[in-house]
Amino acid sequence: MSEETRAVPYQTIQRKRDGAELVAGELAEFFRAYGAGTVPDYQMAAFLMAVFFRGLEPAELTALVDVMLHSGAVVDLSDVPGRKVDKHSTGGVGDKVSLPLAPLVSCLGVAVPMISGRGLGHTGGTLDKLEAIPGFRTDLTLDEFRAQMIRLRCALIGQTAEIAPLDRRLYALRDVTGTVESIPLIASSIMSKKLAEGIDALVLDVKRGSGAFLPQLDRALLLARTMIAIGERHGCEVVALLTAMDRPLGYAVGNALEVEESLLVLRGEGPPDLRELTVVEAAEMLRLGGVAASVEEGRKLAQQALDDGRAAHQMELIIEAQGGNPAVVEDPGILAQAPVRRVVEAPEDGWIAEVEPRAIGQAGVALGAGRATLGAPIDAAVGFHITAKPGERVSRGQPLATVHARGAADAEQGAAALLRAIRVSADGPAEVLPLVSHRVTKEGVEELRG
């Protein structure tokens, strides 16, 4: 290593704190030293806070992604035919799109190696939802992962110890140091894991609105552009869609409830907004995977596969391959059921002015559907089924939602939380964000209408 790149850790921290651009070798060495244990957590925490305020230049971000990506194994999927395409969402309430999307796209011929995460805070996690399916294993080894990709073109697993281990340590530290919302840190965390999957392309679902980690439009667009640029530098085509999280997606919030709703979509049913977003993202993945010549063709293919049963059958094969009970696709009653249900009614006549997703997500965590701390147990059965949508007209006493709880006291607590989160007003219909508002590629930003 040259003298230029050899630096005492506190000097690296100072330079970033003062706004200097670090040379790639210095930044990479700092992070490698952290991985080796010679830079302690308190120094890395200071560095992360400096990045939170100062950001990273493109060359610095490239160096960070590279060192995180190569801190562990990079999966070789060259023996899986065709292009490999994944999807990532920045997280939201009721966002269960990955569950119907992966079998839908893979049944149409695109390989989908999907490595997902657990819920934290007010947002749910794909792994927790999948594990609500009796027997379903998300802890496949990399060899099992590759074998299933060859056989079914799809595997749904969690981040293994071999995949970007440095990212796992950094994320845990970011979570307790108030640096989660840093765009370069978000982008490097997501892309290091996704590139380690061996993918060729990625569809990124960036949530915006009150329930998103990055509520503002300009911040959501910046994250999208940042991840597209990272993908470009690493030979991975990224398309980003900005989608609404000013209300929950679909009706269900809670792990088993969201699995059931996802299965309905795979059977050609389900809430219109969830089906629509699944089709939109599938269309992008099919185009990136070379199966569809255009997004419009991809949309038609996706709709057909949902309606004719191919997507549902593919989900049965995936569930069986990963140790679960495939009968759940036709009989969601197999899923865990909460013993207590409490209907929440409209307190007055009026319009639904707000269905606040962050408050609902937090209420779900309090009910046991999520975890406030890493590693905490969750109750797969509990949650909410919320039929109220912003802009709808309601009458006093009309059912708005149902609480699924473990006990009567929890049900009452959940009902009270929903009555605070679902606001009824006499002032007329509320304005809501478009379900999909922008499409971002390396060519630029397209605002979508309709």
Protein backbone atom coordinates (compact mmCIF):
# COMPACT_ATOMS: atom_id res chain seq x y z
CA MET A 1 0.00 0.00 0.00
CA SER A 2 1.30 3.49 -0.84
CA GLU A 3 1.83 6.20 1.75
CA GLU A 4 -1.10 8.01 0.12
CA THR A 5 -3.54 5.28 1.13
CA ARG A 6 -2.02 4.34 4.51
CA ALA A 7 -3.67 6.51 7.16
CA VAL A 8 -4.32 6.45 10.88
CA PRO A 9 -8.06 5.82 11.34
CA TYR A 10 -8.74 9.06 13.22
CA GLN A 11 -7.14 11.02 10.38
CA THR A 12 -9.53 9.38 7.90
CA ILE A 13 -12.43 10.34 10.17
CA GLN A 14 -11.18 13.91 10.45
CA ARG A 15 -10.82 14.33 6.69
CA LYS A 16 -14.32 13.08 6.01
CA ARG A 17 -15.68 15.22 8.85
CA ASP A 18 -14.08 18.28 7.25
CA GLY A 19 -15.49 17.50 3.81
CA ALA A 20 -12.38 16.13 2.10
CA GLU A 21 -12.69 13.50 -0.62
CA LEU A 22 -10.88 10.33 0.43
CA VAL A 23 -8.80 8.42 -2.09
CA ALA A 24 -10.24 5.00 -2.85
CA GLY A 25 -7.39 3.11 -1.23
CA GLU A 26 -7.67 4.98 2.06
CA LEU A 27 -11.42 4.45 2.33
CA ALA A 28 -11.16 0.78 1.39
CA GLU A 29 -8.37 0.22 3.91
CA PHE A 30 -10.42 1.91 6.66
CA PHE A 31 -13.38 -0.41 6.05
CA ARG A 32 -11.20 -3.51 5.69
CA ALA A 33 -9.60 -2.63 9.03
CA TYR A 34 -13.06 -2.40 10.57
CA GLY A 35 -13.90 -5.82 9.18
CA ALA A 36 -10.68 -7.19 10.66
CA GLY A 37 -11.43 -5.66 14.06
CA THR A 38 -8.59 -3.12 14.18
CA VAL A 39 -10.97 -0.16 13.78
CA PRO A 40 -13.41 -0.26 16.73
CA ASP A 41 -17.15 0.40 16.59
CA TYR A 42 -16.82 3.85 18.14
CA GLN A 43 -14.51 5.04 15.36
CA MET A 44 -16.72 3.57 12.65
CA ALA A 45 -19.75 5.22 14.29
CA ALA A 46 -17.95 8.57 14.09
CA PHE A 47 -17.12 7.97 10.44
CA LEU A 48 -20.72 7.02 9.59
CA MET A 49 -21.97 10.23 11.19
CA ALA A 50 -19.43 12.20 9.14
CA VAL A 51 -20.78 10.51 5.98
CA PHE A 52 -24.34 11.26 7.11
CA PHE A 53 -23.56 15.00 7.06
CA ARG A 54 -20.88 15.19 4.33
CA GLY A 55 -22.00 12.45 1.93
CA LEU A 56 -19.71 10.50 -0.38
CA GLU A 57 -18.34 11.45 -3.78
CA PRO A 58 -18.92 8.96 -6.65
CA ALA A 59 -15.39 7.53 -6.42
CA GLU A 60 -15.73 7.10 -2.65
CA LEU A 61 -19.08 5.39 -3.07
CA THR A 62 -17.64 3.03 -5.68
CA ALA A 63 -14.80 2.10 -3.33
CA LEU A 64 -17.24 1.48 -0.47
CA VAL A 65 -19.50 -0.74 -2.57
CA ASP A 66 -16.49 -2.72 -3.80
CA VAL A 67 -15.09 -3.40 -0.34
CA MET A 68 -18.54 -4.38 1.02
CA LEU A 69 -19.28 -6.56 -2.00
CA HIS A 70 -15.97 -8.42 -1.74
CA SER A 71 -16.02 -8.78 2.05
CA GLY A 72 -17.74 -12.12 1.39
CA ALA A 73 -18.81 -14.46 -1.39
CA VAL A 74 -20.13 -13.33 -4.76
CA VAL A 75 -22.55 -15.95 -6.03
CA ASP A 76 -21.74 -17.44 -9.42
CA LEU A 77 -24.99 -18.11 -11.27
CA SER A 78 -23.40 -18.50 -14.70
CA ASP A 79 -24.85 -22.02 -14.98
CA VAL A 80 -28.39 -20.60 -14.63
CA PRO A 81 -29.61 -19.80 -18.18
CA GLY A 82 -30.55 -16.25 -19.11
CA ARG A 83 -30.31 -12.93 -17.37
CA LYS A 84 -30.74 -12.80 -13.61
CA VAL A 85 -33.06 -10.03 -12.38
CA ASP A 86 -34.05 -9.12 -8.82
CA LYS A 87 -36.23 -6.49 -7.16
CA HIS A 88 -35.69 -4.44 -4.02
CA SER A 89 -38.06 -2.21 -2.10
CA THR A 90 -36.95 0.46 0.35
CA GLY A 91 -39.72 -0.75 2.66
CA GLY A 92 -43.21 0.18 3.67
CA VAL A 93 -46.38 -0.90 5.47
CA GLY A 94 -48.31 -3.69 3.77
CA ASP A 95 -45.62 -3.92 1.09
CA LYS A 96 -45.72 -7.63 0.23
CA VAL A 97 -45.05 -7.30 -3.52
CA SER A 98 -41.97 -9.55 -3.45
CA LEU A 99 -44.07 -12.58 -2.51
CA PRO A 100 -46.23 -12.71 -5.67
CA LEU A 101 -43.61 -11.00 -7.87
CA ALA A 102 -40.81 -13.58 -7.65
CA PRO A 103 -42.90 -16.64 -8.68
CA LEU A 104 -44.72 -14.59 -11.31
CA VAL A 105 -41.56 -13.43 -13.07
CA SER A 106 -39.73 -16.76 -12.74
CA CYS A 107 -42.65 -18.76 -14.15
CA LEU A 108 -42.29 -16.66 -17.30
CA GLY A 109 -38.64 -17.58 -17.80
CA VAL A 110 -36.58 -14.94 -15.95
CA ALA A 111 -34.25 -16.12 -13.19
CA VAL A 112 -35.00 -14.35 -9.88
CA PRO A 113 -32.38 -14.83 -7.14
CA MET A 114 -34.10 -12.98 -4.29
CA ILE A 115 -32.20 -12.37 -1.06
CA SER A 116 -34.43 -10.46 1.35
CA GLY A 117 -34.38 -9.04 4.86
CA ARG A 118 -36.42 -8.98 8.04
CA GLY A 119 -38.69 -6.23 9.23
CA LEU A 120 -37.40 -3.55 11.56
CA GLY A 121 -39.13 -0.53 12.99
CA HIS A 122 -42.50 0.23 11.43
CA THR A 123 -41.86 -1.70 8.18
CA GLY A 124 -42.35 -5.39 7.53
CA GLY A 125 -39.80 -7.85 6.17
CA THR A 126 -40.11 -10.40 3.37
CA LEU A 127 -38.34 -13.13 5.37
CA ASP A 128 -40.76 -12.83 8.29
CA LYS A 129 -43.68 -13.13 5.89
CA LEU A 130 -42.25 -16.18 4.12
CA GLU A 131 -41.58 -17.89 7.46
CA ALA A 132 -45.29 -17.54 8.29
CA ILE A 133 -45.75 -20.36 5.76
CA PRO A 134 -45.53 -23.60 7.79
CA GLY A 135 -42.13 -25.24 7.32
CA PHE A 136 -40.75 -22.66 4.85
CA ARG A 137 -36.94 -22.39 5.05
CA THR A 138 -35.23 -19.11 4.25
CA ASP A 139 -31.83 -20.31 5.51
CA LEU A 140 -30.72 -22.22 2.40
CA THR A 141 -26.98 -22.63 1.96
CA LEU A 142 -25.42 -21.04 -1.09
CA ASP A 143 -25.13 -24.49 -2.69
CA GLU A 144 -28.84 -25.14 -2.09
CA PHE A 145 -29.59 -21.65 -3.40
CA ARG A 146 -27.69 -22.30 -6.64
CA ALA A 147 -29.28 -25.73 -7.12
CA GLN A 148 -32.79 -24.33 -6.72
CA MET A 149 -32.01 -21.48 -9.10
CA ILE A 150 -31.02 -24.03 -11.77
CA ARG A 151 -34.16 -26.11 -11.19
CA LEU A 152 -36.85 -23.45 -10.62
CA ARG A 153 -35.19 -20.17 -11.69
CA CYS A 154 -36.15 -18.75 -8.27
CA ALA A 155 -35.10 -18.97 -4.64
CA LEU A 156 -36.26 -16.81 -1.72
CA ILE A 157 -33.67 -16.64 1.03
CA GLY A 158 -32.11 -14.39 3.65
CA GLN A 159 -28.66 -12.86 3.64
CA THR A 160 -26.25 -15.67 4.49
CA ALA A 161 -23.09 -15.30 6.56
CA GLU A 162 -21.11 -15.42 3.30
CA ILE A 163 -22.97 -12.56 1.57
CA ALA A 164 -21.57 -9.06 2.29
CA PRO A 165 -20.77 -9.70 5.97
CA LEU A 166 -19.34 -6.21 6.32
CA ASP A 167 -22.73 -4.76 5.38
CA ARG A 168 -24.43 -6.72 8.17
CA ARG A 169 -22.09 -5.21 10.75
CA LEU A 170 -22.43 -1.72 9.35
CA TYR A 171 -26.22 -1.87 9.19
CA ALA A 172 -26.47 -2.91 12.84
CA LEU A 173 -24.21 0.01 13.76
CA ARG A 174 -26.16 2.48 11.59
CA ASP A 175 -29.38 1.37 13.23
CA VAL A 176 -28.19 2.45 16.69
CA THR A 177 -26.30 5.60 15.65
CA GLY A 178 -29.02 7.53 13.79
CA THR A 179 -27.40 7.13 10.37
CA VAL A 180 -29.87 4.80 8.62
CA GLU A 181 -31.31 7.55 6.39
CA SER A 182 -27.98 8.45 4.74
CA ILE A 183 -28.48 8.03 0.98
CA PRO A 184 -24.91 6.84 0.17
CA LEU A 185 -25.07 4.38 3.08
CA ILE A 186 -28.50 3.09 2.02
CA ALA A 187 -27.39 2.75 -1.59
CA SER A 188 -24.11 0.97 -0.81
CA SER A 189 -25.85 -1.41 1.61
CA ILE A 190 -28.54 -2.43 -0.89
CA MET A 191 -26.29 -2.65 -3.94
CA SER A 192 -23.47 -4.60 -2.26
CA LYS A 193 -25.98 -7.33 -1.31
CA LYS A 194 -27.74 -7.33 -4.66
CA LEU A 195 -24.52 -7.44 -6.69
CA ALA A 196 -23.32 -10.33 -4.51
CA GLU A 197 -26.35 -12.33 -5.71
CA GLY A 198 -24.86 -12.46 -9.20
CA ILE A 199 -27.65 -10.46 -10.83
CA ASP A 200 -27.57 -8.74 -14.23
CA ALA A 201 -30.35 -6.23 -13.54
CA LEU A 202 -32.45 -4.84 -10.71
CA VAL A 203 -35.86 -3.18 -10.34
CA LEU A 204 -35.82 -0.78 -7.43
CA ASP A 205 -39.06 0.21 -5.69
CA VAL A 206 -38.39 3.51 -3.89
CA LYS A 207 -41.20 4.40 -1.50
CA ARG A 208 -42.22 8.03 -0.95
CA GLY A 209 -44.80 9.58 1.33
CA SER A 210 -45.37 9.71 5.07
CA GLY A 211 -44.71 6.01 5.68
CA ALA A 212 -41.41 5.87 3.77
CA PHE A 213 -37.88 6.13 5.17
CA LEU A 214 -37.30 8.92 2.61
CA PRO A 215 -40.68 10.70 2.42
CA GLN A 216 -39.65 13.60 0.17
CA LEU A 217 -39.70 13.35 -3.62
CA ASP A 218 -36.26 14.92 -4.10
CA ARG A 219 -34.63 12.50 -1.64
CA ALA A 220 -36.35 9.50 -3.25
CA LEU A 221 -35.13 10.60 -6.68
CA LEU A 222 -31.60 11.11 -5.37
CA LEU A 223 -31.53 7.58 -3.95
CA ALA A 224 -32.79 6.19 -7.25
CA ARG A 225 -30.14 8.05 -9.26
CA THR A 226 -27.40 7.01 -6.82
CA MET A 227 -28.26 3.32 -7.10
CA ILE A 228 -28.59 3.49 -10.87
CA ALA A 229 -25.09 4.98 -11.04
CA ILE A 230 -23.68 2.25 -8.78
CA GLY A 231 -25.28 -0.40 -10.96
CA GLU A 232 -23.91 1.24 -14.11
CA ARG A 233 -20.37 1.15 -12.70
CA HIS A 234 -20.74 -2.56 -11.85
CA GLY A 235 -22.42 -3.73 -15.06
CA CYS A 236 -25.91 -4.05 -13.52
CA GLU A 237 -28.82 -2.25 -15.18
CA VAL A 238 -31.11 -0.63 -12.61
CA VAL A 239 -34.61 0.74 -13.21
CA ALA A 240 -36.23 2.58 -10.31
CA LEU A 241 -39.94 3.16 -9.75
CA LEU A 242 -41.16 5.71 -7.22
CA THR A 243 -44.27 4.35 -5.52
CA ALA A 244 -46.74 5.59 -2.95
CA MET A 245 -46.37 4.99 0.77
CA ASP A 246 -48.76 7.68 2.02
CA ARG A 247 -51.15 4.81 2.80
CA PRO A 248 -50.61 1.04 3.32
CA LEU A 249 -50.37 -1.14 0.23
CA GLY A 250 -53.23 -3.59 -0.13
CA TYR A 251 -55.45 -4.36 2.85
CA ALA A 252 -53.32 -6.65 5.04
CA VAL A 253 -50.66 -5.61 7.56
CA GLY A 254 -49.09 -8.53 9.43
CA ASN A 255 -47.14 -11.57 8.33
CA ALA A 256 -49.67 -14.40 7.81
CA LEU A 257 -52.31 -11.89 6.70
CA GLU A 258 -49.94 -10.49 4.06
CA VAL A 259 -49.03 -13.98 2.85
CA GLU A 260 -52.72 -14.77 2.37
CA GLU A 261 -53.21 -11.56 0.40
CA SER A 262 -50.17 -12.33 -1.74
CA LEU A 263 -51.56 -15.77 -2.54
CA LEU A 264 -54.83 -14.17 -3.63
CA VAL A 265 -52.88 -12.05 -6.12
CA LEU A 266 -51.14 -15.16 -7.44
CA ARG A 267 -54.58 -16.70 -7.99
CA GLY A 268 -55.71 -13.72 -10.08
CA GLU A 269 -57.49 -11.95 -7.22
CA GLY A 270 -56.38 -9.64 -4.41
CA PRO A 271 -56.57 -5.88 -3.81
CA PRO A 272 -56.37 -3.81 -7.02
CA ASP A 273 -53.41 -1.69 -5.90
CA LEU A 274 -51.32 -4.71 -4.89
CA ARG A 275 -52.07 -6.54 -8.13
CA GLU A 276 -51.31 -3.42 -10.17
CA LEU A 277 -47.93 -2.78 -8.52
CA THR A 278 -47.01 -6.45 -8.88
CA VAL A 279 -47.81 -6.32 -12.62
CA VAL A 280 -45.94 -3.03 -13.11
CA GLU A 281 -42.77 -4.33 -11.47
CA ALA A 282 -43.05 -7.70 -13.21
CA ALA A 283 -43.28 -5.92 -16.58
CA GLU A 284 -40.00 -4.10 -15.88
CA MET A 285 -38.28 -7.33 -14.76
CA LEU A 286 -39.49 -9.23 -17.83
CA ARG A 287 -38.12 -6.53 -20.12
CA LEU A 288 -34.78 -6.48 -18.28
CA GLY A 289 -34.68 -10.27 -18.43
CA GLY A 290 -35.14 -10.32 -22.19
CA VAL A 291 -38.47 -12.18 -22.12
CA ALA A 292 -40.50 -9.13 -23.14
CA ALA A 293 -39.49 -6.67 -25.85
CA SER A 294 -41.20 -3.80 -24.03
CA VAL A 295 -42.80 -2.92 -20.71
CA GLU A 296 -46.21 -3.09 -22.41
CA GLU A 297 -45.58 -6.67 -23.58
CA GLY A 298 -44.28 -7.57 -20.13
CA ARG A 299 -47.46 -6.26 -18.56
CA LYS A 300 -49.63 -8.47 -20.78
CA LEU A 301 -47.51 -11.55 -20.05
CA ALA A 302 -47.69 -10.90 -16.29
CA GLN A 303 -51.46 -10.44 -16.29
CA GLN A 304 -51.95 -13.67 -18.24
CA ALA A 305 -49.74 -15.69 -15.87
CA LEU A 306 -51.65 -14.44 -12.84
CA ASP A 307 -55.02 -15.20 -14.39
CA ASP A 308 -54.27 -18.64 -15.85
CA GLY A 309 -52.69 -20.19 -12.73
CA ARG A 310 -49.04 -20.42 -13.84
CA ALA A 311 -47.81 -18.00 -11.18
CA ALA A 312 -49.69 -19.78 -8.39
CA HIS A 313 -48.29 -23.15 -9.51
CA GLN A 314 -44.76 -21.75 -9.50
CA MET A 315 -45.29 -20.56 -5.91
CA GLU A 316 -46.35 -24.09 -4.95
CA LEU A 317 -43.11 -25.46 -6.41
CA ILE A 318 -40.98 -22.86 -4.59
CA ILE A 319 -42.72 -23.47 -1.25
CA GLU A 320 -42.30 -27.25 -1.58
CA ALA A 321 -38.64 -26.91 -2.58
CA GLN A 322 -37.94 -24.81 0.51
CA GLY A 323 -39.61 -27.17 2.96
CA GLY A 324 -43.02 -25.50 3.24
CA ASN A 325 -46.53 -26.81 2.78
CA PRO A 326 -47.58 -26.01 -0.83
CA ALA A 327 -51.25 -26.62 0.03
CA VAL A 328 -51.27 -23.13 1.55
CA VAL A 329 -51.60 -21.66 -1.96
CA GLU A 330 -55.10 -23.09 -2.32
CA ASP A 331 -55.95 -23.15 1.40
CA PRO A 332 -54.59 -20.07 3.23
CA GLY A 333 -56.49 -21.28 6.32
CA ILE A 334 -53.37 -23.38 6.99
CA LEU A 335 -51.62 -20.15 8.03
CA ALA A 336 -51.55 -19.10 11.68
CA GLN A 337 -54.83 -17.52 12.82
CA ALA A 338 -55.19 -14.99 15.63
CA PRO A 339 -57.82 -16.03 18.19
CA VAL A 340 -59.36 -12.57 18.72
CA ARG A 341 -60.83 -10.26 16.09
CA ARG A 342 -62.11 -6.75 16.67
CA VAL A 343 -63.93 -4.73 13.99
CA VAL A 344 -63.16 -1.01 13.85
CA GLU A 345 -66.03 1.21 12.66
CA ALA A 346 -66.17 4.75 11.30
CA PRO A 347 -66.86 7.16 14.17
CA GLU A 348 -68.80 9.58 11.93
CA ASP A 349 -70.00 10.26 8.41
CA GLY A 350 -67.44 11.76 6.06
CA TRP A 351 -64.50 11.04 3.82
CA ILE A 352 -61.39 9.02 4.62
CA ALA A 353 -58.84 11.84 4.83
CA GLU A 354 -55.85 9.75 5.92
CA VAL A 355 -54.75 6.17 6.56
CA GLU A 356 -51.38 6.94 8.14
CA PRO A 357 -48.96 4.06 7.36
CA ARG A 358 -46.23 4.83 9.87
CA ALA A 359 -48.68 4.89 12.78
CA ILE A 360 -50.27 1.66 11.54
CA GLY A 361 -46.87 0.01 11.21
CA GLN A 362 -45.95 1.05 14.73
CA ALA A 363 -49.29 -0.26 16.01
CA GLY A 364 -48.54 -3.57 14.30
CA VAL A 365 -45.20 -3.77 16.09
CA ALA A 366 -46.96 -3.12 19.42
CA LEU A 367 -49.39 -5.90 18.59
CA GLY A 368 -46.51 -8.33 17.99
CA ALA A 369 -46.45 -8.37 14.17
CA GLY A 370 -43.03 -6.70 14.02
CA ARG A 371 -39.97 -6.18 16.16
CA ALA A 372 -38.67 -3.05 17.81
CA THR A 373 -35.20 -4.57 18.25
CA LEU A 374 -33.14 -6.95 16.10
CA GLY A 375 -33.77 -10.59 16.95
CA ALA A 376 -37.00 -10.05 18.89
CA PRO A 377 -39.69 -12.73 18.30
CA ILE A 378 -42.78 -11.92 16.26
CA ASP A 379 -46.30 -13.33 16.18
CA ALA A 380 -47.11 -14.36 12.60
CA ALA A 381 -50.87 -14.41 13.18
CA VAL A 382 -51.54 -10.88 14.41
CA GLY A 383 -52.06 -7.70 12.43
CA PHE A 384 -54.70 -5.64 10.68
CA HIS A 385 -57.00 -5.98 7.69
CA ILE A 386 -57.77 -2.39 6.64
CA THR A 387 -60.31 -1.87 3.87
CA ALA A 388 -60.51 1.92 4.30
CA LYS A 389 -58.66 3.87 1.60
CA PRO A 390 -58.08 7.64 1.42
CA GLY A 391 -60.75 9.45 -0.60
CA GLU A 392 -63.57 7.00 0.09
CA ARG A 393 -66.94 8.11 1.46
CA VAL A 394 -67.96 6.35 4.70
CA SER A 395 -70.96 6.37 7.03
CA ARG A 396 -70.95 6.27 10.81
CA GLY A 397 -70.71 2.65 11.97
CA GLN A 398 -69.31 1.38 8.66
CA PRO A 399 -66.50 -1.19 9.13
CA LEU A 400 -63.08 0.28 8.34
CA ALA A 401 -60.75 -2.46 9.51
CA THR A 402 -60.38 -5.62 11.57
CA VAL A 403 -57.76 -6.16 14.28
CA HIS A 404 -56.34 -9.69 14.53
CA ALA A 405 -54.92 -10.07 18.04
CA ARG A 406 -53.70 -12.61 20.56
CA GLY A 407 -55.97 -11.32 23.34
CA ALA A 408 -58.84 -8.93 24.07
CA ALA A 409 -56.63 -6.23 25.59
CA ASP A 410 -54.33 -6.25 22.55
CA ALA A 411 -57.35 -6.05 20.27
CA GLU A 412 -58.65 -2.96 22.07
CA GLN A 413 -55.22 -1.34 21.97
CA GLY A 414 -54.95 -2.07 18.25
CA ALA A 415 -58.44 -0.70 17.58
CA ALA A 416 -57.62 2.54 19.42
CA ALA A 417 -54.44 2.91 17.35
CA LEU A 418 -56.33 2.41 14.10
CA LEU A 419 -58.93 5.02 15.05
CA ARG A 420 -56.08 7.49 15.49
CA ALA A 421 -54.42 6.49 12.20
CA ILE A 422 -57.58 6.41 10.04
CA ARG A 423 -58.88 9.97 10.00
CA VAL A 424 -62.42 10.72 8.83
CA SER A 425 -63.19 14.27 7.69
CA ALA A 426 -66.24 16.16 6.43
CA ASP A 427 -64.08 18.31 4.14
CA GLY A 428 -64.23 16.16 1.02
CA PRO A 429 -62.01 13.53 -0.60
CA ALA A 430 -58.33 13.49 0.24
CA GLU A 431 -55.55 13.86 -2.30
CA VAL A 432 -53.23 10.87 -2.52
CA LEU A 433 -49.99 10.14 -4.30
CA PRO A 434 -50.14 8.16 -7.56
CA LEU A 435 -49.45 4.48 -6.98
CA VAL A 436 -46.44 4.77 -9.33
CA SER A 437 -45.36 8.37 -9.92
CA HIS A 438 -41.92 8.25 -11.58
CA ARG A 439 -39.73 5.88 -13.59
CA VAL A 440 -36.00 6.52 -13.35
CA THR A 441 -33.32 5.04 -15.63
CA LYS A 442 -29.79 6.02 -16.59
CA GLU A 443 -31.38 8.11 -19.36
CA GLY A 444 -33.32 10.27 -16.89
CA VAL A 445 -36.57 10.69 -14.97
CA GLU A 446 -40.01 10.10 -16.48
CA GLU A 447 -43.07 11.32 -14.61
CA LEU A 448 -45.88 8.82 -15.07
CA ARG A 449 -49.52 9.74 -15.38
CA GLY A 450 -52.56 7.54 -15.03
